[in-house]
Amino acid sequence: MTRVFDVPESLLKRAEEMAREDGVSLDIWVTSVLAQKIDAIETAAEFFHRRSTGAGTGLHTYLNLIPADSPMPGDELPDSLNALTQG
C-alpha cells in the first residue's frame, strides 16, 4: 500500500543519509523506524498499565524473604551512602 506524506526537507535528507549508512532503501529504513516507534509506544503503554494495576507486586514476596542480618565484614556501605538508607 502506498501513502504520501509531507516531510520537511531537512528531515528527509537526514533519513536518506541514515538509510544509506544502514545500506538499505529509504522505504525499508522508514518502515523499520516506524515499526520500532510503534513497538516502543506499545511497550511503554504495557509498562504503565502493569504499574497502574499493581502487577509486579509479587517481587516484594521474594524481597521479604531476605534476612535482616547485618552485612558481612567488607560488605558494609560507606558512611556517605549508609546515611541515605536510614531515612
PDB file of N, CA and C in Angstrom:
ATOM      1  N   MET A   1       0.843  -1.160   0.000  1.00  0.00           N
ATOM      2  CA  MET A   1       0.000   0.000   0.000  1.00  0.00           C
ATOM      3  C   MET A   1       0.898   1.236   0.000  1.00  0.00           C
ATOM      4  N   THR A   2       0.548   2.210  -0.774  1.00  0.00           N
ATOM      5  CA  THR A   2       1.345   3.420  -0.891  1.00  0.00           C
ATOM      6  C   THR A   2       0.639   4.581  -0.209  1.00  0.00           C
ATOM      7  N   ARG A   3       1.399   5.347   0.547  1.00  0.00           N
ATOM      8  CA  ARG A   3       0.908   6.560   1.204  1.00  0.00           C
ATOM      9  C   ARG A   3       1.859   7.694   0.845  1.00  0.00           C
ATOM     10  N   VAL A   4       1.345   8.894   0.809  1.00  0.00           N
ATOM     11  CA  VAL A   4       2.158  10.063   0.533  1.00  0.00           C
ATOM     12  C   VAL A   4       2.151  10.933   1.785  1.00  0.00           C
ATOM     13  N   PHE A   5       3.347  11.343   2.226  1.00  0.00           N
ATOM     14  CA  PHE A   5       3.481  12.173   3.414  1.00  0.00           C
ATOM     15  C   PHE A   5       4.297  13.410   3.072  1.00  0.00           C
ATOM     16  N   ASP A   6       3.936  14.528   3.659  1.00  0.00           N
ATOM     17  CA  ASP A   6       4.748  15.736   3.556  1.00  0.00           C
ATOM     18  C   ASP A   6       5.773  15.683   4.678  1.00  0.00           C
ATOM     19  N   VAL A   7       7.042  15.701   4.302  1.00  0.00           N
ATOM     20  CA  VAL A   7       8.134  15.615   5.275  1.00  0.00           C
ATOM     21  C   VAL A   7       9.045  16.815   5.055  1.00  0.00           C
ATOM     22  N   PRO A   8       9.422  17.512   6.131  1.00  0.00           N
ATOM     23  CA  PRO A   8      10.360  18.629   5.967  1.00  0.00           C
ATOM     24  C   PRO A   8      11.637  18.159   5.264  1.00  0.00           C
ATOM     25  N   GLU A   9      12.152  18.999   4.397  1.00  0.00           N
ATOM     26  CA  GLU A   9      13.320  18.647   3.588  1.00  0.00           C
ATOM     27  C   GLU A   9      14.505  18.227   4.455  1.00  0.00           C
ATOM     28  N   SER A  10      14.741  18.935   5.560  1.00  0.00           N
ATOM     29  CA  SER A  10      15.881  18.603   6.413  1.00  0.00           C
ATOM     30  C   SER A  10      15.725  17.219   7.036  1.00  0.00           C
ATOM     31  N   LEU A  11      14.506  16.872   7.411  1.00  0.00           N
ATOM     32  CA  LEU A  11      14.246  15.553   7.982  1.00  0.00           C
ATOM     33  C   LEU A  11      14.398  14.466   6.926  1.00  0.00           C
ATOM     34  N   LEU A  12      13.920  14.734   5.738  1.00  0.00           N
ATOM     35  CA  LEU A  12      14.037  13.766   4.649  1.00  0.00           C
ATOM     36  C   LEU A  12      15.508  13.517   4.299  1.00  0.00           C
ATOM     37  N   LYS A  13      16.294  14.592   4.242  1.00  0.00           N
ATOM     38  CA  LYS A  13      17.714  14.425   3.913  1.00  0.00           C
ATOM     39  C   LYS A  13      18.423  13.597   4.979  1.00  0.00           C
ATOM     40  N   ARG A  14      18.107  13.847   6.242  1.00  0.00           N
ATOM     41  CA  ARG A  14      18.759  13.079   7.318  1.00  0.00           C
ATOM     42  C   ARG A  14      18.329  11.616   7.256  1.00  0.00           C
ATOM     43  N   ALA A  15      17.058  11.367   6.986  1.00  0.00           N
ATOM     44  CA  ALA A  15      16.575   9.986   6.867  1.00  0.00           C
ATOM     45  C   ALA A  15      17.263   9.279   5.702  1.00  0.00           C
ATOM     46  N   GLU A  16      17.431   9.979   4.590  1.00  0.00           N
ATOM     47  CA  GLU A  16      18.119   9.388   3.443  1.00  0.00           C
ATOM     48  C   GLU A  16      19.572   9.057   3.790  1.00  0.00           C
ATOM     49  N   GLU A  17      20.229   9.949   4.532  1.00  0.00           N
ATOM     50  CA  GLU A  17      21.611   9.691   4.950  1.00  0.00           C
ATOM     51  C   GLU A  17      21.690   8.457   5.844  1.00  0.00           C
ATOM     52  N   MET A  18      20.760   8.367   6.791  1.00  0.00           N
ATOM     53  CA  MET A  18      20.783   7.238   7.726  1.00  0.00           C
ATOM     54  C   MET A  18      20.470   5.927   7.006  1.00  0.00           C
ATOM     55  N   ALA A  19      19.550   5.966   6.055  1.00  0.00           N
ATOM     56  CA  ALA A  19      19.246   4.762   5.279  1.00  0.00           C
ATOM     57  C   ALA A  19      20.467   4.323   4.487  1.00  0.00           C
ATOM     58  N   ARG A  20      21.146   5.292   3.909  1.00  0.00           N
ATOM     59  CA  ARG A  20      22.361   4.991   3.130  1.00  0.00           C
ATOM     60  C   ARG A  20      23.434   4.384   4.048  1.00  0.00           C
ATOM     61  N   GLU A  21      23.584   4.960   5.266  1.00  0.00           N
ATOM     62  CA  GLU A  21      24.558   4.427   6.229  1.00  0.00           C
ATOM     63  C   GLU A  21      24.221   2.989   6.620  1.00  0.00           C
ATOM     64  N   ASP A  22      22.915   2.690   6.697  1.00  0.00           N
ATOM     65  CA  ASP A  22      22.479   1.339   7.050  1.00  0.00           C
ATOM     66  C   ASP A  22      22.492   0.397   5.851  1.00  0.00           C
ATOM     67  N   GLY A  23      22.709   0.947   4.667  1.00  0.00           N
ATOM     68  CA  GLY A  23      22.778   0.129   3.458  1.00  0.00           C
ATOM     69  C   GLY A  23      21.427  -0.393   2.991  1.00  0.00           C
ATOM     70  N   VAL A  24      20.366   0.380   3.272  1.00  0.00           N
ATOM     71  CA  VAL A  24      19.019  -0.032   2.849  1.00  0.00           C
ATOM     72  C   VAL A  24      18.340   1.120   2.126  1.00  0.00           C
ATOM     73  N   SER A  25      17.245   0.801   1.455  1.00  0.00           N
ATOM     74  CA  SER A  25      16.490   1.850   0.779  1.00  0.00           C
ATOM     75  C   SER A  25      15.767   2.710   1.809  1.00  0.00           C
ATOM     76  N   LEU A  26      15.387   3.894   1.389  1.00  0.00           N
ATOM     77  CA  LEU A  26      14.650   4.788   2.273  1.00  0.00           C
ATOM     78  C   LEU A  26      13.329   4.148   2.694  1.00  0.00           C
ATOM     79  N   ASP A  27      12.661   3.455   1.786  1.00  0.00           N
ATOM     80  CA  ASP A  27      11.398   2.787   2.119  1.00  0.00           C
ATOM     81  C   ASP A  27      11.580   1.770   3.247  1.00  0.00           C
ATOM     82  N   ILE A  28      12.608   0.953   3.120  1.00  0.00           N
ATOM     83  CA  ILE A  28      12.864  -0.065   4.145  1.00  0.00           C
ATOM     84  C   ILE A  28      13.246   0.600   5.464  1.00  0.00           C
ATOM     85  N   TRP A  29      14.068   1.643   5.396  1.00  0.00           N
ATOM     86  CA  TRP A  29      14.504   2.326   6.607  1.00  0.00           C
ATOM     87  C   TRP A  29      13.321   2.966   7.332  1.00  0.00           C
ATOM     88  N   VAL A  30      12.466   3.662   6.593  1.00  0.00           N
ATOM     89  CA  VAL A  30      11.300   4.313   7.200  1.00  0.00           C
ATOM     90  C   VAL A  30      10.363   3.260   7.790  1.00  0.00           C
ATOM     91  N   THR A  31      10.157   2.162   7.105  1.00  0.00           N
ATOM     92  CA  THR A  31       9.303   1.097   7.622  1.00  0.00           C
ATOM     93  C   THR A  31       9.866   0.542   8.925  1.00  0.00           C
ATOM     94  N   SER A  32      11.182   0.339   8.966  1.00  0.00           N
ATOM     95  CA  SER A  32      11.828  -0.175  10.170  1.00  0.00           C
ATOM     96  C   SER A  32      11.711   0.810  11.331  1.00  0.00           C
ATOM     97  N   VAL A  33      11.966   2.084  11.063  1.00  0.00           N
ATOM     98  CA  VAL A  33      11.880   3.113  12.105  1.00  0.00           C
ATOM     99  C   VAL A  33      10.448   3.230  12.618  1.00  0.00           C
ATOM    100  N   LEU A  34       9.492   3.178  11.734  1.00  0.00           N
ATOM    101  CA  LEU A  34       8.085   3.246  12.131  1.00  0.00           C
ATOM    102  C   LEU A  34       7.707   2.055  13.008  1.00  0.00           C
ATOM    103  N   ALA A  35       8.160   0.868  12.626  1.00  0.00           N
ATOM    104  CA  ALA A  35       7.877  -0.330  13.426  1.00  0.00           C
ATOM    105  C   ALA A  35       8.519  -0.223  14.811  1.00  0.00           C
ATOM    106  N   GLN A  36       9.753   0.291  14.875  1.00  0.00           N
ATOM    107  CA  GLN A  36      10.431   0.457  16.161  1.00  0.00           C
ATOM    108  C   GLN A  36       9.689   1.449  17.046  1.00  0.00           C
ATOM    109  N   LYS A  37       9.208   2.529  16.466  1.00  0.00           N
ATOM    110  CA  LYS A  37       8.486   3.545  17.240  1.00  0.00           C
ATOM    111  C   LYS A  37       7.178   2.976  17.777  1.00  0.00           C
ATOM    112  N   ILE A  38       6.444   2.267  16.942  1.00  0.00           N
ATOM    113  CA  ILE A  38       5.185   1.651  17.385  1.00  0.00           C
ATOM    114  C   ILE A  38       5.455   0.674  18.515  1.00  0.00           C
ATOM    115  N   ASP A  39       6.498  -0.150  18.378  1.00  0.00           N
ATOM    116  CA  ASP A  39       6.848  -1.111  19.418  1.00  0.00           C
ATOM    117  C   ASP A  39       7.203  -0.409  20.726  1.00  0.00           C
ATOM    118  N   ALA A  40       7.962   0.682  20.647  1.00  0.00           N
ATOM    119  CA  ALA A  40       8.354   1.422  21.855  1.00  0.00           C
ATOM    120  C   ALA A  40       7.129   1.999  22.560  1.00  0.00           C
ATOM    121  N   ILE A  41       6.192   2.542  21.807  1.00  0.00           N
ATOM    122  CA  ILE A  41       4.976   3.111  22.398  1.00  0.00           C
ATOM    123  C   ILE A  41       4.129   2.020  23.036  1.00  0.00           C
ATOM    124  N   GLU A  42       3.975   0.903  22.343  1.00  0.00           N
ATOM    125  CA  GLU A  42       3.185  -0.199  22.895  1.00  0.00           C
ATOM    126  C   GLU A  42       3.839  -0.789  24.146  1.00  0.00           C
ATOM    127  N   THR A  43       5.160  -0.894  24.151  1.00  0.00           N
ATOM    128  CA  THR A  43       5.872  -1.414  25.318  1.00  0.00           C
ATOM    129  C   THR A  43       5.701  -0.474  26.505  1.00  0.00           C
ATOM    130  N   ALA A  44       5.867   0.818  26.273  1.00  0.00           N
ATOM    131  CA  ALA A  44       5.685   1.795  27.346  1.00  0.00           C
ATOM    132  C   ALA A  44       4.258   1.741  27.882  1.00  0.00           C
ATOM    133  N   ALA A  45       3.287   1.631  26.999  1.00  0.00           N
ATOM    134  CA  ALA A  45       1.888   1.554  27.431  1.00  0.00           C
ATOM    135  C   ALA A  45       1.653   0.322  28.302  1.00  0.00           C
ATOM    136  N   GLU A  46       2.267  -0.793  27.939  1.00  0.00           N
ATOM    137  CA  GLU A  46       2.127  -2.021  28.732  1.00  0.00           C
ATOM    138  C   GLU A  46       2.758  -1.851  30.106  1.00  0.00           C
ATOM    139  N   PHE A  47       3.926  -1.209  30.189  1.00  0.00           N
ATOM    140  CA  PHE A  47       4.560  -0.964  31.485  1.00  0.00           C
ATOM    141  C   PHE A  47       3.682  -0.082  32.359  1.00  0.00           C
ATOM    142  N   PHE A  48       3.134   0.993  31.786  1.00  0.00           N
ATOM    143  CA  PHE A  48       2.267   1.882  32.560  1.00  0.00           C
ATOM    144  C   PHE A  48       1.006   1.152  33.005  1.00  0.00           C
ATOM    145  N   HIS A  49       0.469   0.290  32.145  1.00  0.00           N
ATOM    146  CA  HIS A  49      -0.714  -0.488  32.509  1.00  0.00           C
ATOM    147  C   HIS A  49      -0.402  -1.425  33.671  1.00  0.00           C
ATOM    148  N   ARG A  50       0.707  -2.121  33.578  1.00  0.00           N
ATOM    149  CA  ARG A  50       1.093  -3.041  34.658  1.00  0.00           C
ATOM    150  C   ARG A  50       1.304  -2.290  35.967  1.00  0.00           C
ATOM    151  N   ARG A  51       1.933  -1.122  35.875  1.00  0.00           N
ATOM    152  CA  ARG A  51       2.179  -0.346  37.081  1.00  0.00           C
ATOM    153  C   ARG A  51       0.864   0.103  37.708  1.00  0.00           C
ATOM    154  N   SER A  52      -0.093   0.500  36.887  1.00  0.00           N
ATOM    155  CA  SER A  52      -1.362   1.007  37.415  1.00  0.00           C
ATOM    156  C   SER A  52      -2.240  -0.094  37.988  1.00  0.00           C
ATOM    157  N   THR A  53      -2.044  -1.332  37.551  1.00  0.00           N
ATOM    158  CA  THR A  53      -2.865  -2.432  38.056  1.00  0.00           C
ATOM    159  C   THR A  53      -2.190  -3.177  39.192  1.00  0.00           C
ATOM    160  N   GLY A  54      -1.003  -2.750  39.562  1.00  0.00           N
ATOM    161  CA  GLY A  54      -0.314  -3.393  40.675  1.00  0.00           C
ATOM    162  C   GLY A  54       0.407  -4.667  40.291  1.00  0.00           C
ATOM    163  N   ALA A  55       0.455  -4.981  39.011  1.00  0.00           N
ATOM    164  CA  ALA A  55       1.185  -6.173  38.583  1.00  0.00           C
ATOM    165  C   ALA A  55       2.649  -5.992  38.951  1.00  0.00           C
ATOM    166  N   GLY A  56       3.286  -7.044  39.346  1.00  0.00           N
ATOM    167  CA  GLY A  56       4.691  -6.976  39.709  1.00  0.00           C
ATOM    168  C   GLY A  56       4.908  -6.853  41.205  1.00  0.00           C
ATOM    169  N   THR A  57       3.822  -6.771  41.973  1.00  0.00           N
ATOM    170  CA  THR A  57       3.980  -6.657  43.427  1.00  0.00           C
ATOM    171  C   THR A  57       4.494  -7.951  44.025  1.00  0.00           C
ATOM    172  N   GLY A  58       4.471  -9.036  43.277  1.00  0.00           N
ATOM    173  CA  GLY A  58       4.979 -10.312  43.765  1.00  0.00           C
ATOM    174  C   GLY A  58       6.460 -10.258  44.109  1.00  0.00           C
ATOM    175  N   LEU A  59       7.167  -9.280  43.577  1.00  0.00           N
ATOM    176  CA  LEU A  59       8.583  -9.134  43.882  1.00  0.00           C
ATOM    177  C   LEU A  59       8.785  -8.941  45.381  1.00  0.00           C
ATOM    178  N   HIS A  60       7.876  -8.220  46.012  1.00  0.00           N
ATOM    179  CA  HIS A  60       8.009  -7.991  47.457  1.00  0.00           C
ATOM    180  C   HIS A  60       7.938  -9.300  48.242  1.00  0.00           C
ATOM    181  N   THR A  61       7.238 -10.276  47.739  1.00  0.00           N
ATOM    182  CA  THR A  61       7.175 -11.585  48.390  1.00  0.00           C
ATOM    183  C   THR A  61       8.578 -12.159  48.525  1.00  0.00           C
ATOM    184  N   TYR A  62       9.372 -12.027  47.475  1.00  0.00           N
ATOM    185  CA  TYR A  62      10.734 -12.560  47.490  1.00  0.00           C
ATOM    186  C   TYR A  62      11.685 -11.655  48.272  1.00  0.00           C
ATOM    187  N   LEU A  63      11.510 -10.354  48.137  1.00  0.00           N
ATOM    188  CA  LEU A  63      12.381  -9.436  48.876  1.00  0.00           C
ATOM    189  C   LEU A  63      12.182  -9.576  50.386  1.00  0.00           C
ATOM    190  N   ASN A  64      10.963  -9.887  50.797  1.00  0.00           N
ATOM    191  CA  ASN A  64      10.692 -10.054  52.222  1.00  0.00           C
ATOM    192  C   ASN A  64      11.331 -11.318  52.794  1.00  0.00           C
ATOM    193  N   LEU A  65      11.774 -12.224  51.944  1.00  0.00           N
ATOM    194  CA  LEU A  65      12.448 -13.435  52.400  1.00  0.00           C
ATOM    195  C   LEU A  65      13.915 -13.186  52.766  1.00  0.00           C
ATOM    196  N   ILE A  66      14.436 -12.030  52.372  1.00  0.00           N
ATOM    197  CA  ILE A  66      15.839 -11.728  52.646  1.00  0.00           C
ATOM    198  C   ILE A  66      15.978 -11.417  54.132  1.00  0.00           C
ATOM    199  N   PRO A  67      16.861 -12.095  54.823  1.00  0.00           N
ATOM    200  CA  PRO A  67      17.020 -11.834  56.255  1.00  0.00           C
ATOM    201  C   PRO A  67      17.544 -10.421  56.507  1.00  0.00           C
ATOM    202  N   ALA A  68      17.180  -9.883  57.651  1.00  0.00           N
ATOM    203  CA  ALA A  68      17.598  -8.530  58.017  1.00  0.00           C
ATOM    204  C   ALA A  68      18.921  -8.556  58.776  1.00  0.00           C
ATOM    205  N   ASP A  69      19.777  -9.498  58.462  1.00  0.00           N
ATOM    206  CA  ASP A  69      21.078  -9.613  59.122  1.00  0.00           C
ATOM    207  C   ASP A  69      21.985  -8.449  58.731  1.00  0.00           C
ATOM    208  N   SER A  70      22.931  -8.194  59.587  1.00  0.00           N
ATOM    209  CA  SER A  70      23.948  -7.187  59.276  1.00  0.00           C
ATOM    210  C   SER A  70      24.812  -7.691  58.128  1.00  0.00           C
ATOM    211  N   PRO A  71      25.374  -6.767  57.346  1.00  0.00           N
ATOM    212  CA  PRO A  71      26.239  -7.190  56.240  1.00  0.00           C
ATOM    213  C   PRO A  71      27.478  -7.913  56.757  1.00  0.00           C
ATOM    214  N   MET A  72      27.998  -8.775  55.927  1.00  0.00           N
ATOM    215  CA  MET A  72      29.238  -9.473  56.264  1.00  0.00           C
ATOM    216  C   MET A  72      30.377  -8.459  56.260  1.00  0.00           C
ATOM    217  N   PRO A  73      31.429  -8.712  57.027  1.00  0.00           N
ATOM    218  CA  PRO A  73      32.571  -7.791  57.041  1.00  0.00           C
ATOM    219  C   PRO A  73      33.077  -7.537  55.619  1.00  0.00           C
ATOM    220  N   GLY A  74      33.230  -6.254  55.297  1.00  0.00           N
ATOM    221  CA  GLY A  74      33.682  -5.858  53.961  1.00  0.00           C
ATOM    222  C   GLY A  74      32.552  -5.494  53.031  1.00  0.00           C
ATOM    223  N   ASP A  75      31.291  -5.887  53.391  1.00  0.00           N
ATOM    224  CA  ASP A  75      30.134  -5.584  52.550  1.00  0.00           C
ATOM    225  C   ASP A  75      29.357  -4.365  53.033  1.00  0.00           C
ATOM    226  N   GLU A  76      29.842  -3.695  54.091  1.00  0.00           N
ATOM    227  CA  GLU A  76      29.132  -2.546  54.628  1.00  0.00           C
ATOM    228  C   GLU A  76      29.141  -1.392  53.620  1.00  0.00           C
ATOM    229  N   LEU A  77      28.093  -0.569  53.697  1.00  0.00           N
ATOM    230  CA  LEU A  77      28.046   0.631  52.867  1.00  0.00           C
ATOM    231  C   LEU A  77      28.975   1.683  53.455  1.00  0.00           C
ATOM    232  N   PRO A  78      29.560   2.520  52.605  1.00  0.00           N
ATOM    233  CA  PRO A  78      30.329   3.643  53.143  1.00  0.00           C
ATOM    234  C   PRO A  78      29.387   4.563  53.922  1.00  0.00           C
ATOM    235  N   ASP A  79      29.919   5.300  54.881  1.00  0.00           N
ATOM    236  CA  ASP A  79      29.092   6.177  55.711  1.00  0.00           C
ATOM    237  C   ASP A  79      28.261   7.143  54.872  1.00  0.00           C
ATOM    238  N   SER A  80      28.823   7.633  53.769  1.00  0.00           N
ATOM    239  CA  SER A  80      28.096   8.601  52.937  1.00  0.00           C
ATOM    240  C   SER A  80      26.843   7.978  52.331  1.00  0.00           C
ATOM    241  N   LEU A  81      26.857   6.700  51.997  1.00  0.00           N
ATOM    242  CA  LEU A  81      25.679   6.010  51.457  1.00  0.00           C
ATOM    243  C   LEU A  81      24.799   5.458  52.556  1.00  0.00           C
ATOM    244  N   ASN A  82      25.385   5.037  53.626  1.00  0.00           N
ATOM    245  CA  ASN A  82      24.630   4.471  54.732  1.00  0.00           C
ATOM    246  C   ASN A  82      23.621   5.482  55.272  1.00  0.00           C
ATOM    247  N   ALA A  83      24.002   6.771  55.312  1.00  0.00           N
ATOM    248  CA  ALA A  83      23.103   7.811  55.797  1.00  0.00           C
ATOM    249  C   ALA A  83      21.876   7.926  54.894  1.00  0.00           C
ATOM    250  N   LEU A  84      22.027   7.668  53.614  1.00  0.00           N
ATOM    251  CA  LEU A  84      20.904   7.757  52.679  1.00  0.00           C
ATOM    252  C   LEU A  84      19.884   6.649  52.906  1.00  0.00           C
ATOM    253  N   THR A  85      20.305   5.520  53.384  1.00  0.00           N
ATOM    254  CA  THR A  85      19.390   4.385  53.580  1.00  0.00           C
ATOM    255  C   THR A  85      18.653   4.441  54.902  1.00  0.00           C
ATOM    256  N   GLN A  86      19.024   5.368  55.769  1.00  0.00           N
ATOM    257  CA  GLN A  86      18.402   5.436  57.093  1.00  0.00           C
ATOM    258  C   GLN A  86      17.122   6.261  57.091  1.00  0.00           C
ATOM    259  N   GLY A  87      16.785   6.922  56.005  1.00  0.00           N
ATOM    260  CA  GLY A  87      15.621   7.794  56.042  1.00  0.00           C
ATOM    261  C   GLY A  87      14.700   7.493  54.966  1.00  0.00           C
TER     262      GLY A  87
END
